[in-house]
Amino acid sequence: MSDPASPDNTSNAFKHNLGRDLSFLSRELARGLMEKSVARGHKGLKLNWDTVFLNLDFREGSRVVDLAQVNGLTKQAMSQIVAEIEQHGYIAKKEDPSDGRARKLKLSAKGKKLIQDSLEAYEEMEQEFERLIGREKLEAFKEIAAELAVAYRQRQK
C-alpha cells in the first residue's frame, strides 16, 4: 500500500491540492516581486510588509488599527511591521483630518517609488506566468481566483 503523502502518489488529491498550489504561487509571486524590487534599488524589504502595502489606501492613508483588522493581526503586531517600514522611509504617519487624535499612514516619496517599481515588477511576473500557461488560461485563472476571493469575503460579513 502506498503512502498518500508520497510525491510518487499520483492521486488527484495529491496532484491538485488547491491550498498547496495557491500557497506556492503566492510565495513565488512575492519572491519574484521582492527580487525585482531589490534589483531596482529597494533594499531591506521584508515579505511581511505586504500586509501594509497590499491594503494601504494610497489616497487617503490608513490607520494601523484598520490594517491590523483586515490582516487578522493585533494592533501591536501591525504596529511593529509599520515601524519597520517607517524606519526604512517608505511610509510616514500623518494627522487624520477627520480625527485629530488618530494618525494615518501615507506613502513617502520613497514609498511611492517602491509602489511604482512594484507595479512594473508585477507586470513582468504576469508576463512570465503568461509565457508558462498562455494568456487565456492566465486570464481565466485570475477571474476564478477573484470570484472565489469575493465570495469568501462576502461570506465572512
Protein backbone atom coordinates (compact mmCIF):
# COMPACT_ATOMS: atom_id res chain seq x y z
CA MET A 1 0.00 0.00 0.00
CA SER A 2 1.45 3.37 -0.99
CA ASP A 3 1.91 6.36 1.28
CA PRO A 4 -0.74 9.01 0.40
CA ALA A 5 1.73 11.79 1.30
CA SER A 6 4.37 10.44 -1.06
CA PRO A 7 5.36 12.62 -4.04
CA ASP A 8 5.17 9.41 -6.10
CA ASN A 9 1.45 9.11 -5.35
CA THR A 10 -0.43 10.19 -8.47
CA SER A 11 -3.88 10.57 -6.92
CA ASN A 12 -5.82 13.71 -7.81
CA ALA A 13 -5.84 14.74 -4.16
CA PHE A 14 -2.07 14.96 -4.23
CA LYS A 15 -1.67 16.39 -7.73
CA HIS A 16 -4.35 19.05 -7.35
CA ASN A 17 -4.07 20.37 -3.82
CA LEU A 18 -5.55 23.88 -4.02
CA GLY A 19 -4.08 25.10 -0.75
CA ARG A 20 -0.60 23.89 -1.55
CA ASP A 21 -0.70 25.25 -5.10
CA LEU A 22 -2.04 28.68 -4.12
CA SER A 23 0.48 28.93 -1.30
CA PHE A 24 3.32 28.01 -3.67
CA LEU A 25 2.20 30.54 -6.30
CA SER A 26 1.77 33.25 -3.68
CA ARG A 27 5.30 32.66 -2.36
CA GLU A 28 6.75 32.62 -5.88
CA LEU A 29 4.97 35.85 -6.78
CA ALA A 30 6.14 37.52 -3.55
CA ARG A 31 9.69 36.24 -4.02
CA GLY A 32 9.79 37.42 -7.63
CA LEU A 33 8.44 40.85 -6.74
CA MET A 34 10.97 41.12 -3.92
CA GLU A 35 13.89 40.20 -6.18
CA LYS A 36 12.78 42.64 -8.88
CA SER A 37 12.26 45.44 -6.34
CA VAL A 38 15.69 44.87 -4.80
CA ALA A 39 17.19 44.95 -8.31
CA ARG A 40 15.52 48.36 -8.73
CA GLY A 41 17.34 49.67 -5.65
CA HIS A 42 14.90 48.97 -2.81
CA LYS A 43 16.98 47.42 -0.03
CA GLY A 44 15.84 45.92 3.27
CA LEU A 45 12.39 44.83 2.11
CA LYS A 46 10.60 42.08 4.04
CA LEU A 47 7.90 39.74 2.78
CA ASN A 48 5.55 40.54 5.68
CA TRP A 49 5.41 44.19 4.59
CA ASP A 50 2.77 43.13 2.07
CA THR A 51 0.31 43.27 4.97
CA VAL A 52 0.67 47.05 4.75
CA PHE A 53 1.34 47.72 1.07
CA LEU A 54 -1.44 45.47 -0.27
CA ASN A 55 -4.02 47.12 2.00
CA LEU A 56 -2.86 50.72 2.34
CA ASP A 57 -5.24 53.35 0.99
CA PHE A 58 -2.79 55.25 -1.21
CA ARG A 59 -5.01 58.34 -1.49
CA GLU A 60 -6.44 58.81 1.98
CA GLY A 61 -3.97 56.85 4.06
CA SER A 62 -4.85 54.09 6.51
CA ARG A 63 -4.94 53.72 10.27
CA VAL A 64 -2.84 50.99 11.89
CA VAL A 65 -5.92 49.53 13.57
CA ASP A 66 -7.68 49.17 10.20
CA LEU A 67 -4.67 47.45 8.64
CA ALA A 68 -4.48 45.12 11.64
CA GLN A 69 -8.15 44.22 11.32
CA VAL A 70 -8.03 43.45 7.58
CA ASN A 71 -4.95 41.25 8.12
CA GLY A 72 -6.28 39.47 11.22
CA LEU A 73 -3.40 40.80 13.34
CA THR A 74 -3.30 42.60 16.66
CA LYS A 75 -2.72 46.34 16.63
CA GLN A 76 0.61 45.71 18.38
CA ALA A 77 1.80 43.24 15.72
CA MET A 78 0.79 45.60 12.92
CA SER A 79 2.47 48.50 14.71
CA GLN A 80 5.77 46.58 14.71
CA ILE A 81 5.55 45.99 10.95
CA VAL A 82 4.62 49.63 10.36
CA ALA A 83 7.56 50.81 12.49
CA GLU A 84 9.99 48.78 10.36
CA ILE A 85 8.58 50.19 7.13
CA GLU A 86 8.63 53.70 8.57
CA GLN A 87 12.27 53.29 9.66
CA HIS A 88 13.16 52.41 6.07
CA GLY A 89 11.44 55.60 4.91
CA TYR A 90 8.64 54.08 2.81
CA ILE A 91 5.73 55.43 4.85
CA ALA A 92 5.07 58.30 7.24
CA LYS A 93 2.41 58.95 9.85
CA LYS A 94 0.23 61.99 9.21
CA GLU A 95 -2.58 63.52 11.24
CA ASP A 96 -6.02 62.19 10.36
CA PRO A 97 -8.05 65.27 9.34
CA SER A 98 -11.29 63.57 10.40
CA ASP A 99 -9.97 62.66 13.88
CA GLY A 100 -7.27 64.82 15.44
CA ARG A 101 -6.29 62.05 17.85
CA ALA A 102 -5.69 59.47 15.11
CA ARG A 103 -2.81 59.19 12.67
CA LYS A 104 -2.90 57.78 9.18
CA LEU A 105 -0.13 56.06 7.30
CA LYS A 106 0.75 57.53 3.93
CA LEU A 107 3.38 56.69 1.37
CA SER A 108 6.50 58.82 1.37
CA ALA A 109 8.20 59.75 -1.92
CA LYS A 110 10.37 56.66 -1.45
CA GLY A 111 7.24 54.58 -0.84
CA LYS A 112 5.60 55.91 -3.99
CA LYS A 113 8.69 54.93 -5.97
CA LEU A 114 8.55 51.44 -4.43
CA ILE A 115 4.91 51.04 -5.45
CA GLN A 116 5.64 52.27 -8.97
CA ASP A 117 8.57 49.85 -9.28
CA SER A 118 6.49 47.03 -7.77
CA LEU A 119 3.72 47.56 -10.31
CA GLU A 120 6.28 47.28 -13.11
CA ALA A 121 7.72 44.16 -11.47
CA TYR A 122 4.20 42.72 -11.15
CA GLU A 123 3.64 43.21 -14.89
CA GLU A 124 6.88 41.32 -15.54
CA MET A 125 5.73 38.49 -13.27
CA GLU A 126 2.38 38.29 -15.07
CA GLN A 127 4.20 38.16 -18.40
CA GLU A 128 6.27 35.26 -17.05
CA PHE A 129 3.12 33.42 -15.94
CA GLU A 130 1.58 34.09 -19.34
CA ARG A 131 4.62 32.58 -21.09
CA LEU A 132 4.20 29.47 -18.94
CA ILE A 133 0.47 28.80 -19.45
CA GLY A 134 -0.76 31.27 -22.07
CA ARG A 135 -2.85 34.43 -21.84
CA GLU A 136 -6.24 32.70 -21.99
CA LYS A 137 -5.53 30.34 -19.09
CA LEU A 138 -3.94 33.09 -17.01
CA GLU A 139 -6.94 35.39 -17.51
CA ALA A 140 -9.33 32.56 -16.63
CA PHE A 141 -7.29 31.75 -13.51
CA LYS A 142 -7.32 35.41 -12.41
CA GLU A 143 -11.09 35.67 -12.94
CA ILE A 144 -11.80 32.49 -10.98
CA ALA A 145 -9.41 33.49 -8.16
CA ALA A 146 -11.06 36.92 -7.92
CA GLU A 147 -14.55 35.38 -7.91
CA LEU A 148 -13.58 32.96 -5.15
CA ALA A 149 -12.00 35.75 -3.09
CA VAL A 150 -15.11 37.93 -3.41
CA ALA A 151 -17.35 35.03 -2.43
CA TYR A 152 -15.29 34.32 0.68
CA ARG A 153 -15.17 37.97 1.68
CA GLN A 154 -18.95 38.25 1.34
CA ARG A 155 -19.44 35.08 3.35
CA GLN A 156 -17.33 36.49 6.19
CA LYS A 157 -19.51 39.61 6.56
